[in-house]
Amino acid sequence: MVHYKVEGNMLKIQDIKEKDNVRTIREIFIDEHFSYAYCSTCHSLQRTSSGNITIHEWHISYLASRGWLWCAITRGRDFSNVNFCKNDKPDEETQTNLVLGYFNNKVEGWKIQE
């Protein structure tokens, strides 16, 4: 397990068990080598992208509303770089967790409104 800290344009990574094991990486290196289309959410992207965009589970209405889907699609500058991924055989545990998460969020929202 590691602990990391951003210092200016550098990322300082320290091993929690071995305190002397510290590495420093330039932020641009992380952006160039570890920023993938599947590592951002539609809302966290907050800008248009010239790279590839992959939209997962677009066909499940309680996960992706039409408004959210439109927002996700318009994050791309070129529609040919927008990819849609459909899992026809999701595992049961993942599906259960998604449904439970959806309803838990609904209940919490109702509690806040009351």
PDB file of N, CA and C in Angstrom:
ATOM      1  N   MET A   1       0.849  -1.169   0.000  1.00  0.00           N
ATOM      2  CA  MET A   1       0.000   0.000   0.000  1.00  0.00           C
ATOM      3  C   MET A   1       0.898   1.235   0.000  1.00  0.00           C
ATOM      4  N   VAL A   2       0.449   2.251  -0.707  1.00  0.00           N
ATOM      5  CA  VAL A   2       1.254   3.465  -0.817  1.00  0.00           C
ATOM      6  C   VAL A   2       0.445   4.688  -0.412  1.00  0.00           C
ATOM      7  N   HIS A   3       1.167   5.726  -0.078  1.00  0.00           N
ATOM      8  CA  HIS A   3       0.588   7.038   0.212  1.00  0.00           C
ATOM      9  C   HIS A   3       1.155   7.974  -0.838  1.00  0.00           C
ATOM     10  N   TYR A   4       0.334   8.836  -1.403  1.00  0.00           N
ATOM     11  CA  TYR A   4       0.855   9.760  -2.405  1.00  0.00           C
ATOM     12  C   TYR A   4       0.457  11.186  -2.057  1.00  0.00           C
ATOM     13  N   LYS A   5       1.252  12.110  -2.538  1.00  0.00           N
ATOM     14  CA  LYS A   5       1.039  13.530  -2.276  1.00  0.00           C
ATOM     15  C   LYS A   5       1.458  14.308  -3.515  1.00  0.00           C
ATOM     16  N   VAL A   6       0.646  15.280  -3.902  1.00  0.00           N
ATOM     17  CA  VAL A   6       0.968  16.119  -5.053  1.00  0.00           C
ATOM     18  C   VAL A   6       1.711  17.347  -4.559  1.00  0.00           C
ATOM     19  N   GLU A   7       2.875  17.584  -5.133  1.00  0.00           N
ATOM     20  CA  GLU A   7       3.690  18.751  -4.801  1.00  0.00           C
ATOM     21  C   GLU A   7       4.026  19.474  -6.095  1.00  0.00           C
ATOM     22  N   GLY A   8       3.299  20.562  -6.359  1.00  0.00           N
ATOM     23  CA  GLY A   8       3.493  21.282  -7.613  1.00  0.00           C
ATOM     24  C   GLY A   8       3.066  20.420  -8.783  1.00  0.00           C
ATOM     25  N   ASN A   9       4.001  20.163  -9.707  1.00  0.00           N
ATOM     26  CA  ASN A   9       3.688  19.295 -10.847  1.00  0.00           C
ATOM     27  C   ASN A   9       4.302  17.903 -10.676  1.00  0.00           C
ATOM     28  N   MET A  10       4.637  17.555  -9.440  1.00  0.00           N
ATOM     29  CA  MET A  10       5.240  16.257  -9.133  1.00  0.00           C
ATOM     30  C   MET A  10       4.305  15.445  -8.234  1.00  0.00           C
ATOM     31  N   LEU A  11       4.361  14.136  -8.381  1.00  0.00           N
ATOM     32  CA  LEU A  11       3.597  13.217  -7.547  1.00  0.00           C
ATOM     33  C   LEU A  11       4.599  12.429  -6.710  1.00  0.00           C
ATOM     34  N   LYS A  12       4.498  12.570  -5.401  1.00  0.00           N
ATOM     35  CA  LYS A  12       5.415  11.888  -4.482  1.00  0.00           C
ATOM     36  C   LYS A  12       4.701  10.645  -3.944  1.00  0.00           C
ATOM     37  N   ILE A  13       5.290   9.465  -4.177  1.00  0.00           N
ATOM     38  CA  ILE A  13       4.685   8.192  -3.776  1.00  0.00           C
ATOM     39  C   ILE A  13       5.578   7.541  -2.728  1.00  0.00           C
ATOM     40  N   GLN A  14       4.956   7.174  -1.576  1.00  0.00           N
ATOM     41  CA  GLN A  14       5.716   6.581  -0.478  1.00  0.00           C
ATOM     42  C   GLN A  14       5.066   5.271  -0.056  1.00  0.00           C
ATOM     43  N   ASP A  15       5.884   4.221   0.076  1.00  0.00           N
ATOM     44  CA  ASP A  15       5.411   2.938   0.567  1.00  0.00           C
ATOM     45  C   ASP A  15       5.095   3.090   2.056  1.00  0.00           C
ATOM     46  N   ILE A  16       3.912   2.666   2.488  1.00  0.00           N
ATOM     47  CA  ILE A  16       3.497   2.854   3.882  1.00  0.00           C
ATOM     48  C   ILE A  16       4.350   2.008   4.827  1.00  0.00           C
ATOM     49  N   LYS A  17       4.691   0.796   4.442  1.00  0.00           N
ATOM     50  CA  LYS A  17       5.487  -0.078   5.317  1.00  0.00           C
ATOM     51  C   LYS A  17       6.959   0.285   5.295  1.00  0.00           C
ATOM     52  N   GLU A  18       7.472   0.661   4.146  1.00  0.00           N
ATOM     53  CA  GLU A  18       8.881   1.033   4.006  1.00  0.00           C
ATOM     54  C   GLU A  18       8.956   2.542   3.803  1.00  0.00           C
ATOM     55  N   LYS A  19       9.084   3.285   4.884  1.00  0.00           N
ATOM     56  CA  LYS A  19       9.046   4.757   4.840  1.00  0.00           C
ATOM     57  C   LYS A  19      10.158   5.343   3.973  1.00  0.00           C
ATOM     58  N   ASP A  20      11.272   4.622   3.812  1.00  0.00           N
ATOM     59  CA  ASP A  20      12.382   5.136   3.007  1.00  0.00           C
ATOM     60  C   ASP A  20      12.162   4.925   1.503  1.00  0.00           C
ATOM     61  N   ASN A  21      11.191   4.124   1.152  1.00  0.00           N
ATOM     62  CA  ASN A  21      10.897   3.835  -0.249  1.00  0.00           C
ATOM     63  C   ASN A  21       9.973   4.933  -0.796  1.00  0.00           C
ATOM     64  N   VAL A  22      10.582   5.995  -1.315  1.00  0.00           N
ATOM     65  CA  VAL A  22       9.845   7.145  -1.835  1.00  0.00           C
ATOM     66  C   VAL A  22      10.244   7.362  -3.289  1.00  0.00           C
ATOM     67  N   ARG A  23       9.256   7.560  -4.139  1.00  0.00           N
ATOM     68  CA  ARG A  23       9.507   7.846  -5.552  1.00  0.00           C
ATOM     69  C   ARG A  23       8.786   9.123  -5.939  1.00  0.00           C
ATOM     70  N   THR A  24       9.369   9.846  -6.860  1.00  0.00           N
ATOM     71  CA  THR A  24       8.762  11.071  -7.350  1.00  0.00           C
ATOM     72  C   THR A  24       8.591  10.957  -8.860  1.00  0.00           C
ATOM     73  N   ILE A  25       7.392  11.274  -9.330  1.00  0.00           N
ATOM     74  CA  ILE A  25       7.069  11.159 -10.748  1.00  0.00           C
ATOM     75  C   ILE A  25       6.458  12.481 -11.207  1.00  0.00           C
ATOM     76  N   ARG A  26       6.822  12.907 -12.390  1.00  0.00           N
ATOM     77  CA  ARG A  26       6.218  14.117 -12.945  1.00  0.00           C
ATOM     78  C   ARG A  26       4.770  13.854 -13.324  1.00  0.00           C
ATOM     79  N   GLU A  27       3.909  14.807 -13.048  1.00  0.00           N
ATOM     80  CA  GLU A  27       2.479  14.673 -13.338  1.00  0.00           C
ATOM     81  C   GLU A  27       2.236  14.425 -14.828  1.00  0.00           C
ATOM     82  N   ILE A  28       3.021  15.021 -15.685  1.00  0.00           N
ATOM     83  CA  ILE A  28       2.853  14.853 -17.125  1.00  0.00           C
ATOM     84  C   ILE A  28       3.083  13.388 -17.533  1.00  0.00           C
ATOM     85  N   PHE A  29       3.986  12.693 -16.838  1.00  0.00           N
ATOM     86  CA  PHE A  29       4.243  11.275 -17.109  1.00  0.00           C
ATOM     87  C   PHE A  29       2.983  10.456 -16.825  1.00  0.00           C
ATOM     88  N   ILE A  30       2.320  10.749 -15.705  1.00  0.00           N
ATOM     89  CA  ILE A  30       1.082  10.054 -15.363  1.00  0.00           C
ATOM     90  C   ILE A  30       0.021  10.338 -16.424  1.00  0.00           C
ATOM     91  N   ASP A  31      -0.122  11.600 -16.804  1.00  0.00           N
ATOM     92  CA  ASP A  31      -1.121  11.967 -17.816  1.00  0.00           C
ATOM     93  C   ASP A  31      -0.864  11.267 -19.145  1.00  0.00           C
ATOM     94  N   GLU A  32       0.399  11.175 -19.558  1.00  0.00           N
ATOM     95  CA  GLU A  32       0.733  10.585 -20.857  1.00  0.00           C
ATOM     96  C   GLU A  32       0.574   9.069 -20.883  1.00  0.00           C
ATOM     97  N   HIS A  33       0.868   8.406 -19.756  1.00  0.00           N
ATOM     98  CA  HIS A  33       0.931   6.947 -19.763  1.00  0.00           C
ATOM     99  C   HIS A  33      -0.192   6.247 -19.009  1.00  0.00           C
ATOM    100  N   PHE A  34      -0.961   6.978 -18.198  1.00  0.00           N
ATOM    101  CA  PHE A  34      -1.975   6.319 -17.391  1.00  0.00           C
ATOM    102  C   PHE A  34      -3.354   6.954 -17.482  1.00  0.00           C
ATOM    103  N   SER A  35      -3.594   7.826 -18.418  1.00  0.00           N
ATOM    104  CA  SER A  35      -4.922   8.411 -18.616  1.00  0.00           C
ATOM    105  C   SER A  35      -5.596   7.670 -19.761  1.00  0.00           C
ATOM    106  N   TYR A  36      -6.509   6.775 -19.398  1.00  0.00           N
ATOM    107  CA  TYR A  36      -7.194   5.962 -20.386  1.00  0.00           C
ATOM    108  C   TYR A  36      -8.655   6.366 -20.482  1.00  0.00           C
ATOM    109  N   ALA A  37      -9.295   6.007 -21.559  1.00  0.00           N
ATOM    110  CA  ALA A  37     -10.700   6.362 -21.770  1.00  0.00           C
ATOM    111  C   ALA A  37     -11.599   5.794 -20.676  1.00  0.00           C
ATOM    112  N   TYR A  38     -11.244   4.671 -20.101  1.00  0.00           N
ATOM    113  CA  TYR A  38     -12.100   4.035 -19.107  1.00  0.00           C
ATOM    114  C   TYR A  38     -11.786   4.481 -17.678  1.00  0.00           C
ATOM    115  N   CYS A  39     -10.886   5.427 -17.505  1.00  0.00           N
ATOM    116  CA  CYS A  39     -10.493   5.856 -16.163  1.00  0.00           C
ATOM    117  C   CYS A  39     -11.211   7.108 -15.686  1.00  0.00           C
ATOM    118  N   SER A  40     -12.080   7.674 -16.455  1.00  0.00           N
ATOM    119  CA  SER A  40     -12.812   8.870 -16.054  1.00  0.00           C
ATOM    120  C   SER A  40     -14.296   8.594 -16.152  1.00  0.00           C
ATOM    121  N   THR A  41     -15.047   9.307 -15.345  1.00  0.00           N
ATOM    122  CA  THR A  41     -16.489   9.225 -15.496  1.00  0.00           C
ATOM    123  C   THR A  41     -16.924  10.375 -16.392  1.00  0.00           C
ATOM    124  N   CYS A  42     -18.113  10.296 -16.872  1.00  0.00           N
ATOM    125  CA  CYS A  42     -18.647  11.348 -17.746  1.00  0.00           C
ATOM    126  C   CYS A  42     -18.563  12.706 -17.057  1.00  0.00           C
ATOM    127  N   HIS A  43     -18.960  12.764 -15.804  1.00  0.00           N
ATOM    128  CA  HIS A  43     -19.005  14.046 -15.105  1.00  0.00           C
ATOM    129  C   HIS A  43     -17.634  14.498 -14.618  1.00  0.00           C
ATOM    130  N   SER A  44     -16.744  13.567 -14.328  1.00  0.00           N
ATOM    131  CA  SER A  44     -15.415  13.989 -13.867  1.00  0.00           C
ATOM    132  C   SER A  44     -14.556  14.509 -15.013  1.00  0.00           C
ATOM    133  N   LEU A  45     -14.893  14.134 -16.242  1.00  0.00           N
ATOM    134  CA  LEU A  45     -14.115  14.594 -17.389  1.00  0.00           C
ATOM    135  C   LEU A  45     -14.226  16.108 -17.547  1.00  0.00           C
ATOM    136  N   GLN A  46     -15.430  16.659 -17.421  1.00  0.00           N
ATOM    137  CA  GLN A  46     -15.675  18.104 -17.388  1.00  0.00           C
ATOM    138  C   GLN A  46     -15.158  18.882 -18.598  1.00  0.00           C
ATOM    139  N   ARG A  47     -14.834  18.208 -19.668  1.00  0.00           N
ATOM    140  CA  ARG A  47     -14.354  18.889 -20.873  1.00  0.00           C
ATOM    141  C   ARG A  47     -14.508  17.923 -22.042  1.00  0.00           C
ATOM    142  N   THR A  48     -14.360  18.448 -23.247  1.00  0.00           N
ATOM    143  CA  THR A  48     -14.388  17.545 -24.393  1.00  0.00           C
ATOM    144  C   THR A  48     -13.025  16.878 -24.533  1.00  0.00           C
ATOM    145  N   SER A  49     -13.024  15.729 -25.128  1.00  0.00           N
ATOM    146  CA  SER A  49     -11.803  14.948 -25.271  1.00  0.00           C
ATOM    147  C   SER A  49     -11.560  14.627 -26.742  1.00  0.00           C
ATOM    148  N   SER A  50     -10.316  14.767 -27.176  1.00  0.00           N
ATOM    149  CA  SER A  50      -9.985  14.397 -28.552  1.00  0.00           C
ATOM    150  C   SER A  50      -9.624  12.918 -28.633  1.00  0.00           C
ATOM    151  N   GLY A  51      -9.451  12.261 -27.465  1.00  0.00           N
ATOM    152  CA  GLY A  51      -9.127  10.837 -27.431  1.00  0.00           C
ATOM    153  C   GLY A  51     -10.375   9.974 -27.463  1.00  0.00           C
ATOM    154  N   ASN A  52     -10.186   8.708 -27.224  1.00  0.00           N
ATOM    155  CA  ASN A  52     -11.297   7.761 -27.210  1.00  0.00           C
ATOM    156  C   ASN A  52     -12.117   7.902 -25.939  1.00  0.00           C
ATOM    157  N   ILE A  53     -13.404   7.680 -26.055  1.00  0.00           N
ATOM    158  CA  ILE A  53     -14.324   7.654 -24.926  1.00  0.00           C
ATOM    159  C   ILE A  53     -15.075   6.337 -25.000  1.00  0.00           C
ATOM    160  N   THR A  54     -15.139   5.621 -23.885  1.00  0.00           N
ATOM    161  CA  THR A  54     -15.870   4.365 -23.822  1.00  0.00           C
ATOM    162  C   THR A  54     -17.028   4.528 -22.848  1.00  0.00           C
ATOM    163  N   ILE A  55     -18.225   4.218 -23.293  1.00  0.00           N
ATOM    164  CA  ILE A  55     -19.419   4.334 -22.464  1.00  0.00           C
ATOM    165  C   ILE A  55     -19.895   2.920 -22.144  1.00  0.00           C
ATOM    166  N   HIS A  56     -19.818   2.577 -20.855  1.00  0.00           N
ATOM    167  CA  HIS A  56     -20.220   1.247 -20.389  1.00  0.00           C
ATOM    168  C   HIS A  56     -21.660   1.262 -19.904  1.00  0.00           C
ATOM    169  N   GLU A  57     -22.314   0.131 -19.980  1.00  0.00           N
ATOM    170  CA  GLU A  57     -23.654  -0.092 -19.428  1.00  0.00           C
ATOM    171  C   GLU A  57     -24.656   0.970 -19.873  1.00  0.00           C
ATOM    172  N   TRP A  58     -24.522   1.437 -21.092  1.00  0.00           N
ATOM    173  CA  TRP A  58     -25.399   2.474 -21.644  1.00  0.00           C
ATOM    174  C   TRP A  58     -26.829   1.995 -21.810  1.00  0.00           C
ATOM    175  N   HIS A  59     -27.027   0.706 -21.889  1.00  0.00           N
ATOM    176  CA  HIS A  59     -28.337   0.122 -22.163  1.00  0.00           C
ATOM    177  C   HIS A  59     -29.181  -0.109 -20.904  1.00  0.00           C
ATOM    178  N   ILE A  60     -28.608   0.123 -19.714  1.00  0.00           N
ATOM    179  CA  ILE A  60     -29.335  -0.098 -18.461  1.00  0.00           C
ATOM    180  C   ILE A  60     -29.922   1.238 -18.008  1.00  0.00           C
ATOM    181  N   SER A  61     -31.246   1.369 -18.109  1.00  0.00           N
ATOM    182  CA  SER A  61     -31.900   2.671 -17.922  1.00  0.00           C
ATOM    183  C   SER A  61     -31.700   3.257 -16.531  1.00  0.00           C
ATOM    184  N   TYR A  62     -31.609   2.431 -15.482  1.00  0.00           N
ATOM    185  CA  TYR A  62     -31.442   2.997 -14.148  1.00  0.00           C
ATOM    186  C   TYR A  62     -29.998   3.415 -13.871  1.00  0.00           C
ATOM    187  N   LEU A  63     -29.091   3.065 -14.741  1.00  0.00           N
ATOM    188  CA  LEU A  63     -27.695   3.512 -14.599  1.00  0.00           C
ATOM    189  C   LEU A  63     -27.382   4.689 -15.509  1.00  0.00           C
ATOM    190  N   ALA A  64     -28.010   4.724 -16.662  1.00  0.00           N
ATOM    191  CA  ALA A  64     -27.692   5.763 -17.651  1.00  0.00           C
ATOM    192  C   ALA A  64     -28.983   6.354 -18.216  1.00  0.00           C
ATOM    193  N   SER A  65     -29.338   7.523 -17.717  1.00  0.00           N
ATOM    194  CA  SER A  65     -30.523   8.199 -18.248  1.00  0.00           C
ATOM    195  C   SER A  65     -30.195   8.770 -19.622  1.00  0.00           C
ATOM    196  N   ARG A  66     -31.198   9.206 -20.336  1.00  0.00           N
ATOM    197  CA  ARG A  66     -30.966   9.819 -21.653  1.00  0.00           C
ATOM    198  C   ARG A  66     -30.111  11.073 -21.524  1.00  0.00           C
ATOM    199  N   GLY A  67     -30.364  11.854 -20.467  1.00  0.00           N
ATOM    200  CA  GLY A  67     -29.581  13.078 -20.241  1.00  0.00           C
ATOM    201  C   GLY A  67     -28.122  12.775 -19.977  1.00  0.00           C
ATOM    202  N   TRP A  68     -27.874  11.755 -19.141  1.00  0.00           N
ATOM    203  CA  TRP A  68     -26.499  11.376 -18.838  1.00  0.00           C
ATOM    204  C   TRP A  68     -25.807  10.849 -20.095  1.00  0.00           C
ATOM    205  N   LEU A  69     -26.529  10.037 -20.855  1.00  0.00           N
ATOM    206  CA  LEU A  69     -25.965   9.471 -22.077  1.00  0.00           C
ATOM    207  C   LEU A  69     -25.600  10.572 -23.068  1.00  0.00           C
ATOM    208  N   TRP A  70     -26.475  11.561 -23.228  1.00  0.00           N
ATOM    209  CA  TRP A  70     -26.193  12.686 -24.122  1.00  0.00           C
ATOM    210  C   TRP A  70     -24.954  13.431 -23.639  1.00  0.00           C
ATOM    211  N   CYS A  71     -24.861  13.656 -22.334  1.00  0.00           N
ATOM    212  CA  CYS A  71     -23.696  14.333 -21.762  1.00  0.00           C
ATOM    213  C   CYS A  71     -22.424  13.539 -22.068  1.00  0.00           C
ATOM    214  N   ALA A  72     -22.472  12.218 -21.880  1.00  0.00           N
ATOM    215  CA  ALA A  72     -21.302  11.373 -22.130  1.00  0.00           C
ATOM    216  C   ALA A  72     -20.882  11.414 -23.596  1.00  0.00           C
ATOM    217  N   ILE A  73     -21.847  11.319 -24.497  1.00  0.00           N
ATOM    218  CA  ILE A  73     -21.550  11.323 -25.934  1.00  0.00           C
ATOM    219  C   ILE A  73     -20.922  12.646 -26.355  1.00  0.00           C
ATOM    220  N   THR A  74     -21.425  13.748 -25.820  1.00  0.00           N
ATOM    221  CA  THR A  74     -20.929  15.064 -26.234  1.00  0.00           C
ATOM    222  C   THR A  74     -19.592  15.428 -25.608  1.00  0.00           C
ATOM    223  N   ARG A  75     -19.044  14.571 -24.778  1.00  0.00           N
ATOM    224  CA  ARG A  75     -17.699  14.804 -24.249  1.00  0.00           C
ATOM    225  C   ARG A  75     -16.639  14.566 -25.331  1.00  0.00           C
ATOM    226  N   GLY A  76     -16.997  13.836 -26.360  1.00  0.00           N
ATOM    227  CA  GLY A  76     -16.049  13.550 -27.437  1.00  0.00           C
ATOM    228  C   GLY A  76     -16.098  14.606 -28.526  1.00  0.00           C
ATOM    229  N   ARG A  77     -14.957  14.926 -29.091  1.00  0.00           N
ATOM    230  CA  ARG A  77     -14.898  15.891 -30.196  1.00  0.00           C
ATOM    231  C   ARG A  77     -15.244  15.245 -31.527  1.00  0.00           C
ATOM    232  N   ASP A  78     -15.015  13.936 -31.610  1.00  0.00           N
ATOM    233  CA  ASP A  78     -15.274  13.203 -32.848  1.00  0.00           C
ATOM    234  C   ASP A  78     -16.086  11.964 -32.491  1.00  0.00           C
ATOM    235  N   PHE A  79     -17.294  11.854 -33.045  1.00  0.00           N
ATOM    236  CA  PHE A  79     -18.173  10.744 -32.691  1.00  0.00           C
ATOM    237  C   PHE A  79     -17.549   9.387 -33.009  1.00  0.00           C
ATOM    238  N   SER A  80     -16.643   9.337 -33.965  1.00  0.00           N
ATOM    239  CA  SER A  80     -16.012   8.049 -34.296  1.00  0.00           C
ATOM    240  C   SER A  80     -15.094   7.564 -33.166  1.00  0.00           C
ATOM    241  N   ASN A  81     -14.759   8.433 -32.214  1.00  0.00           N
ATOM    242  CA  ASN A  81     -13.931   8.047 -31.069  1.00  0.00           C
ATOM    243  C   ASN A  81     -14.758   7.661 -29.846  1.00  0.00           C
ATOM    244  N   VAL A  82     -16.083   7.676 -29.985  1.00  0.00           N
ATOM    245  CA  VAL A  82     -16.962   7.291 -28.880  1.00  0.00           C
ATOM    246  C   VAL A  82     -17.332   5.827 -29.060  1.00  0.00           C
ATOM    247  N   ASN A  83     -16.986   5.006 -28.074  1.00  0.00           N
ATOM    248  CA  ASN A  83     -17.223   3.562 -28.127  1.00  0.00           C
ATOM    249  C   ASN A  83     -18.262   3.178 -27.086  1.00  0.00           C
ATOM    250  N   PHE A  84     -19.129   2.245 -27.428  1.00  0.00           N
ATOM    251  CA  PHE A  84     -20.160   1.770 -26.511  1.00  0.00           C
ATOM    252  C   PHE A  84     -19.858   0.321 -26.164  1.00  0.00           C
ATOM    253  N   CYS A  85     -19.854   0.025 -24.868  1.00  0.00           N
ATOM    254  CA  CYS A  85     -19.552  -1.325 -24.388  1.00  0.00           C
ATOM    255  C   CYS A  85     -20.794  -1.884 -23.703  1.00  0.00           C
ATOM    256  N   LYS A  86     -21.268  -3.016 -24.179  1.00  0.00           N
ATOM    257  CA  LYS A  86     -22.458  -3.655 -23.602  1.00  0.00           C
ATOM    258  C   LYS A  86     -22.067  -5.041 -23.106  1.00  0.00           C
ATOM    259  N   ASN A  87     -22.293  -5.276 -21.830  1.00  0.00           N
ATOM    260  CA  ASN A  87     -22.006  -6.572 -21.234  1.00  0.00           C
ATOM    261  C   ASN A  87     -23.295  -7.382 -21.228  1.00  0.00           C
ATOM    262  N   ASP A  88     -23.403  -8.352 -22.129  1.00  0.00           N
ATOM    263  CA  ASP A  88     -24.619  -9.149 -22.229  1.00  0.00           C
ATOM    264  C   ASP A  88     -24.770 -10.147 -21.093  1.00  0.00           C
ATOM    265  N   LYS A  89     -23.665 -10.486 -20.444  1.00  0.00           N
ATOM    266  CA  LYS A  89     -23.712 -11.471 -19.365  1.00  0.00           C
ATOM    267  C   LYS A  89     -22.999 -10.948 -18.119  1.00  0.00           C
ATOM    268  N   PRO A  90     -23.572  -9.908 -17.465  1.00  0.00           N
ATOM    269  CA  PRO A  90     -22.922  -9.400 -16.256  1.00  0.00           C
ATOM    270  C   PRO A  90     -23.013 -10.439 -15.143  1.00  0.00           C
ATOM    271  N   ASP A  91     -22.002 -10.476 -14.281  1.00  0.00           N
ATOM    272  CA  ASP A  91     -22.073 -11.452 -13.196  1.00  0.00           C
ATOM    273  C   ASP A  91     -23.136 -11.004 -12.186  1.00  0.00           C
ATOM    274  N   GLU A  92     -23.699 -11.967 -11.500  1.00  0.00           N
ATOM    275  CA  GLU A  92     -24.845 -11.713 -10.625  1.00  0.00           C
ATOM    276  C   GLU A  92     -24.488 -10.772  -9.466  1.00  0.00           C
ATOM    277  N   GLU A  93     -23.295 -10.922  -8.901  1.00  0.00           N
ATOM    278  CA  GLU A  93     -22.891 -10.079  -7.773  1.00  0.00           C
ATOM    279  C   GLU A  93     -22.805  -8.610  -8.189  1.00  0.00           C
ATOM    280  N   THR A  94     -22.207  -8.342  -9.346  1.00  0.00           N
ATOM    281  CA  THR A  94     -22.104  -6.966  -9.834  1.00  0.00           C
ATOM    282  C   THR A  94     -23.491  -6.383 -10.071  1.00  0.00           C
ATOM    283  N   GLN A  95     -24.361  -7.147 -10.697  1.00  0.00           N
ATOM    284  CA  GLN A  95     -25.715  -6.681 -10.980  1.00  0.00           C
ATOM    285  C   GLN A  95     -26.458  -6.381  -9.672  1.00  0.00           C
ATOM    286  N   THR A  96     -26.332  -7.254  -8.688  1.00  0.00           N
ATOM    287  CA  THR A  96     -26.975  -7.042  -7.386  1.00  0.00           C
ATOM    288  C   THR A  96     -26.444  -5.792  -6.715  1.00  0.00           C
ATOM    289  N   ASN A  97     -25.130  -5.596  -6.733  1.00  0.00           N
ATOM    290  CA  ASN A  97     -24.525  -4.413  -6.117  1.00  0.00           C
ATOM    291  C   ASN A  97     -24.977  -3.127  -6.803  1.00  0.00           C
ATOM    292  N   LEU A  98     -25.116  -3.158  -8.115  1.00  0.00           N
ATOM    293  CA  LEU A  98     -25.592  -1.983  -8.839  1.00  0.00           C
ATOM    294  C   LEU A  98     -27.024  -1.624  -8.448  1.00  0.00           C
ATOM    295  N   VAL A  99     -27.878  -2.632  -8.360  1.00  0.00           N
ATOM    296  CA  VAL A  99     -29.277  -2.390  -7.993  1.00  0.00           C
ATOM    297  C   VAL A  99     -29.361  -1.899  -6.546  1.00  0.00           C
ATOM    298  N   LEU A 100     -28.645  -2.558  -5.635  1.00  0.00           N
ATOM    299  CA  LEU A 100     -28.659  -2.132  -4.233  1.00  0.00           C
ATOM    300  C   LEU A 100     -28.119  -0.712  -4.080  1.00  0.00           C
ATOM    301  N   GLY A 101     -27.055  -0.399  -4.795  1.00  0.00           N
ATOM    302  CA  GLY A 101     -26.495   0.952  -4.745  1.00  0.00           C
ATOM    303  C   GLY A 101     -27.484   1.986  -5.241  1.00  0.00           C
ATOM    304  N   TYR A 102     -28.187   1.656  -6.302  1.00  0.00           N
ATOM    305  CA  TYR A 102     -29.190   2.570  -6.857  1.00  0.00           C
ATOM    306  C   TYR A 102     -30.267   2.871  -5.817  1.00  0.00           C
ATOM    307  N   PHE A 103     -30.815   1.827  -5.199  1.00  0.00           N
ATOM    308  CA  PHE A 103     -31.889   2.039  -4.229  1.00  0.00           C
ATOM    309  C   PHE A 103     -31.382   2.673  -2.938  1.00  0.00           C
ATOM    310  N   ASN A 104     -30.180   2.347  -2.512  1.00  0.00           N
ATOM    311  CA  ASN A 104     -29.614   3.008  -1.328  1.00  0.00           C
ATOM    312  C   ASN A 104     -29.473   4.505  -1.568  1.00  0.00           C
ATOM    313  N   ASN A 105     -29.019   4.890  -2.755  1.00  0.00           N
ATOM    314  CA  ASN A 105     -28.904   6.315  -3.082  1.00  0.00           C
ATOM    315  C   ASN A 105     -30.275   6.988  -3.117  1.00  0.00           C
ATOM    316  N   LYS A 106     -31.271   6.293  -3.634  1.00  0.00           N
ATOM    317  CA  LYS A 106     -32.631   6.843  -3.652  1.00  0.00           C
ATOM    318  C   LYS A 106     -33.129   7.089  -2.232  1.00  0.00           C
ATOM    319  N   VAL A 107     -32.968   6.102  -1.354  1.00  0.00           N
ATOM    320  CA  VAL A 107     -33.439   6.226   0.030  1.00  0.00           C
ATOM    321  C   VAL A 107     -32.717   7.365   0.741  1.00  0.00           C
ATOM    322  N   GLU A 108     -31.396   7.453   0.563  1.00  0.00           N
ATOM    323  CA  GLU A 108     -30.641   8.546   1.192  1.00  0.00           C
ATOM    324  C   GLU A 108     -31.110   9.901   0.676  1.00  0.00           C
ATOM    325  N   GLY A 109     -31.413   9.977  -0.604  1.00  0.00           N
ATOM    326  CA  GLY A 109     -31.925  11.228  -1.183  1.00  0.00           C
ATOM    327  C   GLY A 109     -33.282  11.589  -0.591  1.00  0.00           C
ATOM    328  N   TRP A 110     -34.141  10.588  -0.393  1.00  0.00           N
ATOM    329  CA  TRP A 110     -35.450  10.856   0.205  1.00  0.00           C
ATOM    330  C   TRP A 110     -35.306  11.321   1.647  1.00  0.00           C
ATOM    331  N   LYS A 111     -34.352  10.725   2.379  1.00  0.00           N
ATOM    332  CA  LYS A 111     -34.117  11.143   3.778  1.00  0.00           C
ATOM    333  C   LYS A 111     -33.691  12.603   3.842  1.00  0.00           C
ATOM    334  N   ILE A 112     -32.824  12.996   2.923  1.00  0.00           N
ATOM    335  CA  ILE A 112     -32.342  14.384   2.898  1.00  0.00           C
ATOM    336  C   ILE A 112     -33.493  15.335   2.582  1.00  0.00           C
ATOM    337  N   GLN A 113     -34.369  14.943   1.661  1.00  0.00           N
ATOM    338  CA  GLN A 113     -35.495  15.803   1.287  1.00  0.00           C
ATOM    339  C   GLN A 113     -36.474  15.997   2.426  1.00  0.00           C
ATOM    340  N   GLU A 114     -36.623  14.969   3.284  1.00  0.00           N
ATOM    341  CA  GLU A 114     -37.549  15.075   4.406  1.00  0.00           C
ATOM    342  C   GLU A 114     -36.948  15.963   5.449  1.00  0.00           C
TER     343      GLU A 114
END
